[in-house]
Amino acid sequence: TVKTADFQVGDLVKAGDKLVEFNLDDLEAQNQKAELTVKANS
């Protein structure tokens, strides 16, 4: 999920400016499940 995207078409930005940030809660849950799957498969 996009957490922040604070810019518009025509905006002037500098190199290194953070333009988009993500909410990673769901992805981290998937990663924990994948770790358990790897252990069980092993």
PDB file of all heavy atoms in Angstrom:
ATOM      1  N   THR A   1       0.843  -1.188   0.000  1.00  0.00           N
ATOM      2  CA  THR A   1       0.000   0.000   0.000  1.00  0.00           C
ATOM      3  C   THR A   1       0.879   1.240   0.000  1.00  0.00           C
ATOM      4  O   THR A   1       1.892   1.290   0.708  1.00  0.00           O
ATOM      5  CB  THR A   1      -0.913   0.006   1.240  1.00  0.00           C
ATOM      6  OG1 THR A   1      -1.704  -1.180   1.231  1.00  0.00           O
ATOM      7  CG2 THR A   1      -1.830   1.225   1.228  1.00  0.00           C
ATOM      8  N   VAL A   2       0.522   2.231  -0.811  1.00  0.00           N
ATOM      9  CA  VAL A   2       1.299   3.470  -0.880  1.00  0.00           C
ATOM     10  C   VAL A   2       1.010   4.298   0.375  1.00  0.00           C
ATOM     11  O   VAL A   2      -0.137   4.663   0.635  1.00  0.00           O
ATOM     12  CB  VAL A   2       0.951   4.265  -2.144  1.00  0.00           C
ATOM     13  CG1 VAL A   2       1.708   5.586  -2.160  1.00  0.00           C
ATOM     14  CG2 VAL A   2       1.270   3.450  -3.384  1.00  0.00           C
ATOM     15  N   LYS A   3       2.050   4.567   1.127  1.00  0.00           N
ATOM     16  CA  LYS A   3       1.910   5.351   2.353  1.00  0.00           C
ATOM     17  C   LYS A   3       1.949   6.846   2.052  1.00  0.00           C
ATOM     18  O   LYS A   3       1.105   7.620   2.529  1.00  0.00           O
ATOM     19  CB  LYS A   3       3.020   4.972   3.339  1.00  0.00           C
ATOM     20  CG  LYS A   3       2.921   5.652   4.688  1.00  0.00           C
ATOM     21  CD  LYS A   3       4.037   5.145   5.601  1.00  0.00           C
ATOM     22  CE  LYS A   3       3.951   5.807   6.972  1.00  0.00           C
ATOM     23  NZ  LYS A   3       5.054   5.338   7.861  1.00  0.00           N
ATOM     24  N   THR A   4       2.931   7.282   1.285  1.00  0.00           N
ATOM     25  CA  THR A   4       3.036   8.692   0.896  1.00  0.00           C
ATOM     26  C   THR A   4       3.443   8.790  -0.567  1.00  0.00           C
ATOM     27  O   THR A   4       4.215   7.971  -1.063  1.00  0.00           O
ATOM     28  CB  THR A   4       4.083   9.449   1.749  1.00  0.00           C
ATOM     29  OG1 THR A   4       5.369   8.835   1.572  1.00  0.00           O
ATOM     30  CG2 THR A   4       3.702   9.423   3.224  1.00  0.00           C
ATOM     31  N   ALA A   5       2.889   9.798  -1.250  1.00  0.00           N
ATOM     32  CA  ALA A   5       3.264  10.125  -2.639  1.00  0.00           C
ATOM     33  C   ALA A   5       2.978  11.611  -2.826  1.00  0.00           C
ATOM     34  O   ALA A   5       2.061  12.007  -3.541  1.00  0.00           O
ATOM     35  CB  ALA A   5       2.481   9.268  -3.628  1.00  0.00           C
ATOM     36  N   ASP A   6       3.798  12.435  -2.174  1.00  0.00           N
ATOM     37  CA  ASP A   6       3.537  13.871  -2.085  1.00  0.00           C
ATOM     38  C   ASP A   6       4.218  14.620  -3.231  1.00  0.00           C
ATOM     39  O   ASP A   6       5.245  15.268  -3.054  1.00  0.00           O
ATOM     40  CB  ASP A   6       4.010  14.402  -0.725  1.00  0.00           C
ATOM     41  CG  ASP A   6       3.579  15.853  -0.506  1.00  0.00           C
ATOM     42  OD1 ASP A   6       2.682  16.296  -1.237  1.00  0.00           O
ATOM     43  OD2 ASP A   6       4.149  16.509   0.390  1.00  0.00           O
ATOM     44  N   PHE A   7       3.664  14.488  -4.432  1.00  0.00           N
ATOM     45  CA  PHE A   7       4.183  15.233  -5.580  1.00  0.00           C
ATOM     46  C   PHE A   7       3.092  15.291  -6.640  1.00  0.00           C
ATOM     47  O   PHE A   7       2.142  14.504  -6.615  1.00  0.00           O
ATOM     48  CB  PHE A   7       5.445  14.579  -6.151  1.00  0.00           C
ATOM     49  CG  PHE A   7       5.246  13.155  -6.597  1.00  0.00           C
ATOM     50  CD1 PHE A   7       4.838  12.865  -7.891  1.00  0.00           C
ATOM     51  CD2 PHE A   7       5.463  12.109  -5.719  1.00  0.00           C
ATOM     52  CE1 PHE A   7       4.650  11.566  -8.302  1.00  0.00           C
ATOM     53  CE2 PHE A   7       5.269  10.798  -6.125  1.00  0.00           C
ATOM     54  CZ  PHE A   7       4.862  10.522  -7.415  1.00  0.00           C
ATOM     55  N   GLN A   8       3.240  16.242  -7.570  1.00  0.00           N
ATOM     56  CA  GLN A   8       2.280  16.424  -8.647  1.00  0.00           C
ATOM     57  C   GLN A   8       3.024  16.534  -9.973  1.00  0.00           C
ATOM     58  O   GLN A   8       4.235  16.786 -10.004  1.00  0.00           O
ATOM     59  CB  GLN A   8       1.435  17.696  -8.416  1.00  0.00           C
ATOM     60  CG  GLN A   8       0.628  17.698  -7.131  1.00  0.00           C
ATOM     61  CD  GLN A   8      -0.450  16.632  -7.109  1.00  0.00           C
ATOM     62  OE1 GLN A   8      -0.980  16.279  -8.166  1.00  0.00           O
ATOM     63  NE2 GLN A   8      -0.770  16.123  -5.928  1.00  0.00           N
ATOM     64  N   VAL A   9       2.293  16.354 -11.066  1.00  0.00           N
ATOM     65  CA  VAL A   9       2.885  16.534 -12.392  1.00  0.00           C
ATOM     66  C   VAL A   9       3.342  17.985 -12.530  1.00  0.00           C
ATOM     67  O   VAL A   9       2.606  18.918 -12.198  1.00  0.00           O
ATOM     68  CB  VAL A   9       1.860  16.190 -13.492  1.00  0.00           C
ATOM     69  CG1 VAL A   9       2.409  16.571 -14.871  1.00  0.00           C
ATOM     70  CG2 VAL A   9       1.513  14.715 -13.451  1.00  0.00           C
ATOM     71  N   GLY A  10       4.565  18.171 -13.001  1.00  0.00           N
ATOM     72  CA  GLY A  10       5.142  19.502 -13.153  1.00  0.00           C
ATOM     73  C   GLY A  10       6.018  19.927 -11.999  1.00  0.00           C
ATOM     74  O   GLY A  10       6.696  20.956 -12.090  1.00  0.00           O
ATOM     75  N   ASP A  11       6.030  19.146 -10.897  1.00  0.00           N
ATOM     76  CA  ASP A  11       6.861  19.502  -9.749  1.00  0.00           C
ATOM     77  C   ASP A  11       8.336  19.318 -10.082  1.00  0.00           C
ATOM     78  O   ASP A  11       8.733  18.359 -10.767  1.00  0.00           O
ATOM     79  CB  ASP A  11       6.510  18.632  -8.541  1.00  0.00           C
ATOM     80  CG  ASP A  11       5.219  19.085  -7.879  1.00  0.00           C
ATOM     81  OD1 ASP A  11       4.664  20.100  -8.324  1.00  0.00           O
ATOM     82  OD2 ASP A  11       4.768  18.414  -6.922  1.00  0.00           O
ATOM     83  N   LEU A  12       9.155  20.231  -9.573  1.00  0.00           N
ATOM     84  CA  LEU A  12      10.607  20.134  -9.700  1.00  0.00           C
ATOM     85  C   LEU A  12      11.141  19.398  -8.478  1.00  0.00           C
ATOM     86  O   LEU A  12      10.838  19.769  -7.343  1.00  0.00           O
ATOM     87  CB  LEU A  12      11.230  21.529  -9.793  1.00  0.00           C
ATOM     88  CG  LEU A  12      12.760  21.600  -9.886  1.00  0.00           C
ATOM     89  CD1 LEU A  12      13.236  21.005 -11.198  1.00  0.00           C
ATOM     90  CD2 LEU A  12      13.227  23.050  -9.744  1.00  0.00           C
ATOM     91  N   VAL A  13      11.907  18.320  -8.692  1.00  0.00           N
ATOM     92  CA  VAL A  13      12.450  17.537  -7.586  1.00  0.00           C
ATOM     93  C   VAL A  13      13.966  17.456  -7.728  1.00  0.00           C
ATOM     94  O   VAL A  13      14.519  17.577  -8.819  1.00  0.00           O
ATOM     95  CB  VAL A  13      11.840  16.125  -7.542  1.00  0.00           C
ATOM     96  CG1 VAL A  13      10.340  16.191  -7.320  1.00  0.00           C
ATOM     97  CG2 VAL A  13      12.150  15.346  -8.825  1.00  0.00           C
ATOM     98  N   LYS A  14      14.610  17.230  -6.588  1.00  0.00           N
ATOM     99  CA  LYS A  14      16.064  17.111  -6.554  1.00  0.00           C
ATOM    100  C   LYS A  14      16.464  15.645  -6.412  1.00  0.00           C
ATOM    101  O   LYS A  14      15.706  14.836  -5.876  1.00  0.00           O
ATOM    102  CB  LYS A  14      16.634  17.919  -5.370  1.00  0.00           C
ATOM    103  CG  LYS A  14      16.375  19.409  -5.444  1.00  0.00           C
ATOM    104  CD  LYS A  14      17.166  20.048  -6.574  1.00  0.00           C
ATOM    105  CE  LYS A  14      17.010  21.563  -6.564  1.00  0.00           C
ATOM    106  NZ  LYS A  14      17.761  22.195  -7.666  1.00  0.00           N
ATOM    107  N   ALA A  15      17.657  15.339  -6.884  1.00  0.00           N
ATOM    108  CA  ALA A  15      18.169  13.978  -6.740  1.00  0.00           C
ATOM    109  C   ALA A  15      18.210  13.611  -5.258  1.00  0.00           C
ATOM    110  O   ALA A  15      18.720  14.364  -4.432  1.00  0.00           O
ATOM    111  CB  ALA A  15      19.567  13.856  -7.356  1.00  0.00           C
ATOM    112  N   GLY A  16      17.669  12.436  -4.924  1.00  0.00           N
ATOM    113  CA  GLY A  16      17.651  11.972  -3.544  1.00  0.00           C
ATOM    114  C   GLY A  16      16.357  12.265  -2.812  1.00  0.00           C
ATOM    115  O   GLY A  16      16.133  11.732  -1.714  1.00  0.00           O
ATOM    116  N   ASP A  17      15.479  13.112  -3.379  1.00  0.00           N
ATOM    117  CA  ASP A  17      14.196  13.394  -2.734  1.00  0.00           C
ATOM    118  C   ASP A  17      13.371  12.116  -2.643  1.00  0.00           C
ATOM    119  O   ASP A  17      13.216  11.391  -3.635  1.00  0.00           O
ATOM    120  CB  ASP A  17      13.420  14.445  -3.521  1.00  0.00           C
ATOM    121  CG  ASP A  17      13.998  15.849  -3.352  1.00  0.00           C
ATOM    122  OD1 ASP A  17      14.905  16.004  -2.516  1.00  0.00           O
ATOM    123  OD2 ASP A  17      13.536  16.780  -4.049  1.00  0.00           O
ATOM    124  N   LYS A  18      12.845  11.803  -1.442  1.00  0.00           N
ATOM    125  CA  LYS A  18      11.965  10.640  -1.257  1.00  0.00           C
ATOM    126  C   LYS A  18      10.592  10.998  -1.815  1.00  0.00           C
ATOM    127  O   LYS A  18       9.940  11.921  -1.332  1.00  0.00           O
ATOM    128  CB  LYS A  18      11.892  10.281   0.222  1.00  0.00           C
ATOM    129  CG  LYS A  18      11.019   9.063   0.533  1.00  0.00           C
ATOM    130  CD  LYS A  18      11.625   7.775   0.000  1.00  0.00           C
ATOM    131  CE  LYS A  18      12.869   7.357   0.770  1.00  0.00           C
ATOM    132  NZ  LYS A  18      12.634   6.979   2.140  1.00  0.00           N
ATOM    133  N   LEU A  19      10.157  10.248  -2.822  1.00  0.00           N
ATOM    134  CA  LEU A  19       8.900  10.556  -3.501  1.00  0.00           C
ATOM    135  C   LEU A  19       7.772   9.607  -3.109  1.00  0.00           C
ATOM    136  O   LEU A  19       6.612  10.012  -3.061  1.00  0.00           O
ATOM    137  CB  LEU A  19       9.106  10.510  -5.014  1.00  0.00           C
ATOM    138  CG  LEU A  19      10.156  11.489  -5.571  1.00  0.00           C
ATOM    139  CD1 LEU A  19      10.295  11.324  -7.072  1.00  0.00           C
ATOM    140  CD2 LEU A  19       9.798  12.927  -5.225  1.00  0.00           C
ATOM    141  N   VAL A  20       8.098   8.345  -2.851  1.00  0.00           N
ATOM    142  CA  VAL A  20       7.065   7.358  -2.507  1.00  0.00           C
ATOM    143  C   VAL A  20       7.544   6.520  -1.328  1.00  0.00           C
ATOM    144  O   VAL A  20       8.698   6.087  -1.293  1.00  0.00           O
ATOM    145  CB  VAL A  20       6.750   6.427  -3.709  1.00  0.00           C
ATOM    146  CG1 VAL A  20       5.703   5.377  -3.309  1.00  0.00           C
ATOM    147  CG2 VAL A  20       6.247   7.225  -4.897  1.00  0.00           C
ATOM    148  N   GLU A  21       6.646   6.296  -0.356  1.00  0.00           N
ATOM    149  CA  GLU A  21       6.905   5.395   0.767  1.00  0.00           C
ATOM    150  C   GLU A  21       5.789   4.352   0.806  1.00  0.00           C
ATOM    151  O   GLU A  21       4.653   4.625   0.416  1.00  0.00           O
ATOM    152  CB  GLU A  21       6.949   6.155   2.089  1.00  0.00           C
ATOM    153  CG  GLU A  21       8.147   7.093   2.202  1.00  0.00           C
ATOM    154  CD  GLU A  21       8.177   7.833   3.530  1.00  0.00           C
ATOM    155  OE1 GLU A  21       7.105   8.277   3.988  1.00  0.00           O
ATOM    156  OE2 GLU A  21       9.264   7.942   4.106  1.00  0.00           O
ATOM    157  N   PHE A  22       6.119   3.119   1.301  1.00  0.00           N
ATOM    158  CA  PHE A  22       5.169   2.010   1.295  1.00  0.00           C
ATOM    159  C   PHE A  22       4.849   1.557   2.713  1.00  0.00           C
ATOM    160  O   PHE A  22       5.682   1.652   3.627  1.00  0.00           O
ATOM    161  CB  PHE A  22       5.738   0.816   0.520  1.00  0.00           C
ATOM    162  CG  PHE A  22       6.005   1.106  -0.925  1.00  0.00           C
ATOM    163  CD1 PHE A  22       7.287   1.420  -1.363  1.00  0.00           C
ATOM    164  CD2 PHE A  22       4.984   1.068  -1.854  1.00  0.00           C
ATOM    165  CE1 PHE A  22       7.544   1.689  -2.691  1.00  0.00           C
ATOM    166  CE2 PHE A  22       5.223   1.331  -3.189  1.00  0.00           C
ATOM    167  CZ  PHE A  22       6.503   1.645  -3.605  1.00  0.00           C
ATOM    168  N   ASN A  23       3.630   1.006   2.882  1.00  0.00           N
ATOM    169  CA  ASN A  23       3.246   0.303   4.099  1.00  0.00           C
ATOM    170  C   ASN A  23       3.492  -1.180   3.856  1.00  0.00           C
ATOM    171  O   ASN A  23       2.867  -1.790   2.983  1.00  0.00           O
ATOM    172  CB  ASN A  23       1.760   0.556   4.395  1.00  0.00           C
ATOM    173  CG  ASN A  23       1.337  -0.039   5.730  1.00  0.00           C
ATOM    174  OD1 ASN A  23       1.799  -1.104   6.113  1.00  0.00           O
ATOM    175  ND2 ASN A  23       0.441   0.644   6.424  1.00  0.00           N
ATOM    176  N   LEU A  24       4.386  -1.812   4.654  1.00  0.00           N
ATOM    177  CA  LEU A  24       4.876  -3.167   4.370  1.00  0.00           C
ATOM    178  C   LEU A  24       4.339  -4.209   5.342  1.00  0.00           C
ATOM    179  O   LEU A  24       4.898  -5.321   5.423  1.00  0.00           O
ATOM    180  CB  LEU A  24       6.409  -3.177   4.395  1.00  0.00           C
ATOM    181  CG  LEU A  24       7.094  -2.187   3.442  1.00  0.00           C
ATOM    182  CD1 LEU A  24       8.588  -2.177   3.682  1.00  0.00           C
ATOM    183  CD2 LEU A  24       6.791  -2.531   1.997  1.00  0.00           C
ATOM    184  N   ASP A  25       3.267  -3.918   6.087  1.00  0.00           N
ATOM    185  CA  ASP A  25       2.775  -4.870   7.092  1.00  0.00           C
ATOM    186  C   ASP A  25       2.409  -6.214   6.465  1.00  0.00           C
ATOM    187  O   ASP A  25       2.797  -7.279   6.965  1.00  0.00           O
ATOM    188  CB  ASP A  25       1.557  -4.285   7.809  1.00  0.00           C
ATOM    189  CG  ASP A  25       1.933  -3.077   8.665  1.00  0.00           C
ATOM    190  OD1 ASP A  25       3.146  -2.913   8.934  1.00  0.00           O
ATOM    191  OD2 ASP A  25       1.041  -2.315   9.058  1.00  0.00           O
ATOM    192  N   ASP A  26       1.666  -6.212   5.380  1.00  0.00           N
ATOM    193  CA  ASP A  26       1.251  -7.464   4.736  1.00  0.00           C
ATOM    194  C   ASP A  26       2.450  -8.238   4.202  1.00  0.00           C
ATOM    195  O   ASP A  26       2.516  -9.470   4.310  1.00  0.00           O
ATOM    196  CB  ASP A  26       0.277  -7.168   3.586  1.00  0.00           C
ATOM    197  CG  ASP A  26      -1.055  -6.632   4.079  1.00  0.00           C
ATOM    198  OD1 ASP A  26      -1.348  -6.819   5.276  1.00  0.00           O
ATOM    199  OD2 ASP A  26      -1.785  -6.021   3.280  1.00  0.00           O
ATOM    200  N   LEU A  27       3.404  -7.528   3.625  1.00  0.00           N
ATOM    201  CA  LEU A  27       4.580  -8.186   3.059  1.00  0.00           C
ATOM    202  C   LEU A  27       5.431  -8.830   4.145  1.00  0.00           C
ATOM    203  O   LEU A  27       5.966  -9.933   3.971  1.00  0.00           O
ATOM    204  CB  LEU A  27       5.405  -7.169   2.267  1.00  0.00           C
ATOM    205  CG  LEU A  27       6.389  -7.739   1.237  1.00  0.00           C
ATOM    206  CD1 LEU A  27       5.641  -8.537   0.188  1.00  0.00           C
ATOM    207  CD2 LEU A  27       7.160  -6.623   0.567  1.00  0.00           C
ATOM    208  N   GLU A  28       5.554  -8.182   5.293  1.00  0.00           N
ATOM    209  CA  GLU A  28       6.327  -8.753   6.394  1.00  0.00           C
ATOM    210  C   GLU A  28       5.638 -10.002   6.940  1.00  0.00           C
ATOM    211  O   GLU A  28       6.306 -10.966   7.324  1.00  0.00           O
ATOM    212  CB  GLU A  28       6.512  -7.706   7.487  1.00  0.00           C
ATOM    213  CG  GLU A  28       7.483  -6.583   7.075  1.00  0.00           C
ATOM    214  CD  GLU A  28       7.570  -5.494   8.112  1.00  0.00           C
ATOM    215  OE1 GLU A  28       6.658  -5.416   8.972  1.00  0.00           O
ATOM    216  OE2 GLU A  28       8.552  -4.718   8.070  1.00  0.00           O
ATOM    217  N   ALA A  29       4.301 -10.007   6.977  1.00  0.00           N
ATOM    218  CA  ALA A  29       3.583 -11.205   7.412  1.00  0.00           C
ATOM    219  C   ALA A  29       3.823 -12.353   6.434  1.00  0.00           C
ATOM    220  O   ALA A  29       4.017 -13.511   6.841  1.00  0.00           O
ATOM    221  CB  ALA A  29       2.087 -10.897   7.529  1.00  0.00           C
ATOM    222  N   GLN A  30       3.817 -12.059   5.145  1.00  0.00           N
ATOM    223  CA  GLN A  30       4.107 -13.089   4.148  1.00  0.00           C
ATOM    224  C   GLN A  30       5.517 -13.629   4.310  1.00  0.00           C
ATOM    225  O   GLN A  30       5.764 -14.822   4.131  1.00  0.00           O
ATOM    226  CB  GLN A  30       3.932 -12.498   2.748  1.00  0.00           C
ATOM    227  CG  GLN A  30       2.504 -12.135   2.387  1.00  0.00           C
ATOM    228  CD  GLN A  30       2.411 -11.504   1.004  1.00  0.00           C
ATOM    229  OE1 GLN A  30       3.253 -11.753   0.142  1.00  0.00           O
ATOM    230  NE2 GLN A  30       1.401 -10.674   0.798  1.00  0.00           N
ATOM    231  N   ASN A  31       6.443 -12.767   4.673  1.00  0.00           N
ATOM    232  CA  ASN A  31       7.828 -13.197   4.840  1.00  0.00           C
ATOM    233  C   ASN A  31       7.956 -14.149   6.029  1.00  0.00           C
ATOM    234  O   ASN A  31       8.679 -15.155   5.971  1.00  0.00           O
ATOM    235  CB  ASN A  31       8.733 -11.976   5.042  1.00  0.00           C
ATOM    236  CG  ASN A  31      10.198 -12.355   5.101  1.00  0.00           C
ATOM    237  OD1 ASN A  31      10.694 -13.057   4.233  1.00  0.00           O
ATOM    238  ND2 ASN A  31      10.894 -11.906   6.138  1.00  0.00           N
ATOM    239  N   GLN A  32       7.264 -13.858   7.134  1.00  0.00           N
ATOM    240  CA  GLN A  32       7.299 -14.749   8.292  1.00  0.00           C
ATOM    241  C   GLN A  32       6.718 -16.116   7.932  1.00  0.00           C
ATOM    242  O   GLN A  32       7.250 -17.157   8.338  1.00  0.00           O
ATOM    243  CB  GLN A  32       6.521 -14.117   9.443  1.00  0.00           C
ATOM    244  CG  GLN A  32       7.189 -12.875  10.023  1.00  0.00           C
ATOM    245  CD  GLN A  32       6.357 -12.226  11.113  1.00  0.00           C
ATOM    246  OE1 GLN A  32       5.239 -12.644  11.378  1.00  0.00           O
ATOM    247  NE2 GLN A  32       6.899 -11.193  11.737  1.00  0.00           N
ATOM    248  N   LYS A  33       5.627 -16.111   7.167  1.00  0.00           N
ATOM    249  CA  LYS A  33       5.032 -17.368   6.737  1.00  0.00           C
ATOM    250  C   LYS A  33       5.999 -18.139   5.842  1.00  0.00           C
ATOM    251  O   LYS A  33       6.127 -19.368   5.954  1.00  0.00           O
ATOM    252  CB  LYS A  33       3.734 -17.084   5.981  1.00  0.00           C
ATOM    253  CG  LYS A  33       3.013 -18.339   5.508  1.00  0.00           C
ATOM    254  CD  LYS A  33       1.728 -17.970   4.786  1.00  0.00           C
ATOM    255  CE  LYS A  33       1.020 -19.229   4.267  1.00  0.00           C
ATOM    256  NZ  LYS A  33      -0.240 -18.893   3.539  1.00  0.00           N
ATOM    257  N   ALA A  34       6.695 -17.427   4.969  1.00  0.00           N
ATOM    258  CA  ALA A  34       7.660 -18.076   4.072  1.00  0.00           C
ATOM    259  C   ALA A  34       8.817 -18.686   4.858  1.00  0.00           C
ATOM    260  O   ALA A  34       9.312 -19.767   4.522  1.00  0.00           O
ATOM    261  CB  ALA A  34       8.185 -17.071   3.054  1.00  0.00           C
ATOM    262  N   GLU A  35       9.263 -18.017   5.912  1.00  0.00           N
ATOM    263  CA  GLU A  35      10.332 -18.565   6.744  1.00  0.00           C
ATOM    264  C   GLU A  35       9.908 -19.878   7.390  1.00  0.00           C
ATOM    265  O   GLU A  35      10.675 -20.848   7.436  1.00  0.00           O
ATOM    266  CB  GLU A  35      10.722 -17.542   7.816  1.00  0.00           C
ATOM    267  CG  GLU A  35      11.451 -16.315   7.276  1.00  0.00           C
ATOM    268  CD  GLU A  35      11.756 -15.318   8.375  1.00  0.00           C
ATOM    269  OE1 GLU A  35      11.317 -15.552   9.528  1.00  0.00           O
ATOM    270  OE2 GLU A  35      12.432 -14.320   8.099  1.00  0.00           O
ATOM    271  N   LEU A  36       8.671 -19.921   7.892  1.00  0.00           N
ATOM    272  CA  LEU A  36       8.173 -21.150   8.507  1.00  0.00           C
ATOM    273  C   LEU A  36       8.026 -22.251   7.457  1.00  0.00           C
ATOM    274  O   LEU A  36       8.292 -23.428   7.739  1.00  0.00           O
ATOM    275  CB  LEU A  36       6.825 -20.878   9.178  1.00  0.00           C
ATOM    276  CG  LEU A  36       6.866 -19.933  10.388  1.00  0.00           C
ATOM    277  CD1 LEU A  36       5.459 -19.657  10.890  1.00  0.00           C
ATOM    278  CD2 LEU A  36       7.726 -20.525  11.510  1.00  0.00           C
ATOM    279  N   THR A  37       7.616 -21.881   6.251  1.00  0.00           N
ATOM    280  CA  THR A  37       7.497 -22.872   5.180  1.00  0.00           C
ATOM    281  C   THR A  37       8.850 -23.470   4.835  1.00  0.00           C
ATOM    282  O   THR A  37       8.979 -24.681   4.626  1.00  0.00           O
ATOM    283  CB  THR A  37       6.877 -22.219   3.924  1.00  0.00           C
ATOM    284  OG1 THR A  37       5.580 -21.710   4.252  1.00  0.00           O
ATOM    285  CG2 THR A  37       6.741 -23.223   2.793  1.00  0.00           C
ATOM    286  N   VAL A  38       9.874 -22.627   4.776  1.00  0.00           N
ATOM    287  CA  VAL A  38      11.225 -23.114   4.485  1.00  0.00           C
ATOM    288  C   VAL A  38      11.684 -24.092   5.566  1.00  0.00           C
ATOM    289  O   VAL A  38      12.248 -25.160   5.272  1.00  0.00           O
ATOM    290  CB  VAL A  38      12.213 -21.935   4.381  1.00  0.00           C
ATOM    291  CG1 VAL A  38      13.653 -22.433   4.345  1.00  0.00           C
ATOM    292  CG2 VAL A  38      11.917 -21.120   3.136  1.00  0.00           C
ATOM    293  N   LYS A  39      11.415 -23.750   6.822  1.00  0.00           N
ATOM    294  CA  LYS A  39      11.832 -24.628   7.922  1.00  0.00           C
ATOM    295  C   LYS A  39      11.094 -25.955   7.860  1.00  0.00           C
ATOM    296  O   LYS A  39      11.692 -27.038   8.019  1.00  0.00           O
ATOM    297  CB  LYS A  39      11.562 -23.933   9.255  1.00  0.00           C
ATOM    298  CG  LYS A  39      12.053 -24.727  10.464  1.00  0.00           C
ATOM    299  CD  LYS A  39      11.846 -23.946  11.750  1.00  0.00           C
ATOM    300  CE  LYS A  39      12.368 -24.758  12.952  1.00  0.00           C
ATOM    301  NZ  LYS A  39      12.190 -24.020  14.222  1.00  0.00           N
ATOM    302  N   ALA A  40       9.762 -25.901   7.630  1.00  0.00           N
ATOM    303  CA  ALA A  40       8.971 -27.129   7.550  1.00  0.00           C
ATOM    304  C   ALA A  40       9.431 -27.994   6.378  1.00  0.00           C
ATOM    305  O   ALA A  40       9.550 -29.224   6.513  1.00  0.00           O
ATOM    306  CB  ALA A  40       7.491 -26.789   7.411  1.00  0.00           C
ATOM    307  N   ASN A  41       9.686 -27.379   5.216  1.00  0.00           N
ATOM    308  CA  ASN A  41      10.151 -28.140   4.054  1.00  0.00           C
ATOM    309  C   ASN A  41      11.499 -28.790   4.316  1.00  0.00           C
ATOM    310  O   ASN A  41      11.746 -29.927   3.904  1.00  0.00           O
ATOM    311  CB  ASN A  41      10.245 -27.232   2.836  1.00  0.00           C
ATOM    312  CG  ASN A  41       8.889 -26.869   2.275  1.00  0.00           C
ATOM    313  OD1 ASN A  41       7.879 -27.434   2.669  1.00  0.00           O
ATOM    314  ND2 ASN A  41       8.849 -25.912   1.354  1.00  0.00           N
ATOM    315  N   SER A  42      12.360 -28.075   5.012  1.00  0.00           N
ATOM    316  CA  SER A  42      13.689 -28.610   5.308  1.00  0.00           C
ATOM    317  C   SER A  42      13.593 -29.834   6.209  1.00  0.00           C
ATOM    318  O   SER A  42      14.235 -30.857   5.967  1.00  0.00           O
ATOM    319  CB  SER A  42      14.552 -27.532   5.963  1.00  0.00           C
ATOM    320  OG  SER A  42      15.812 -28.044   6.317  1.00  0.00           O
TER     321      SER A  42
END
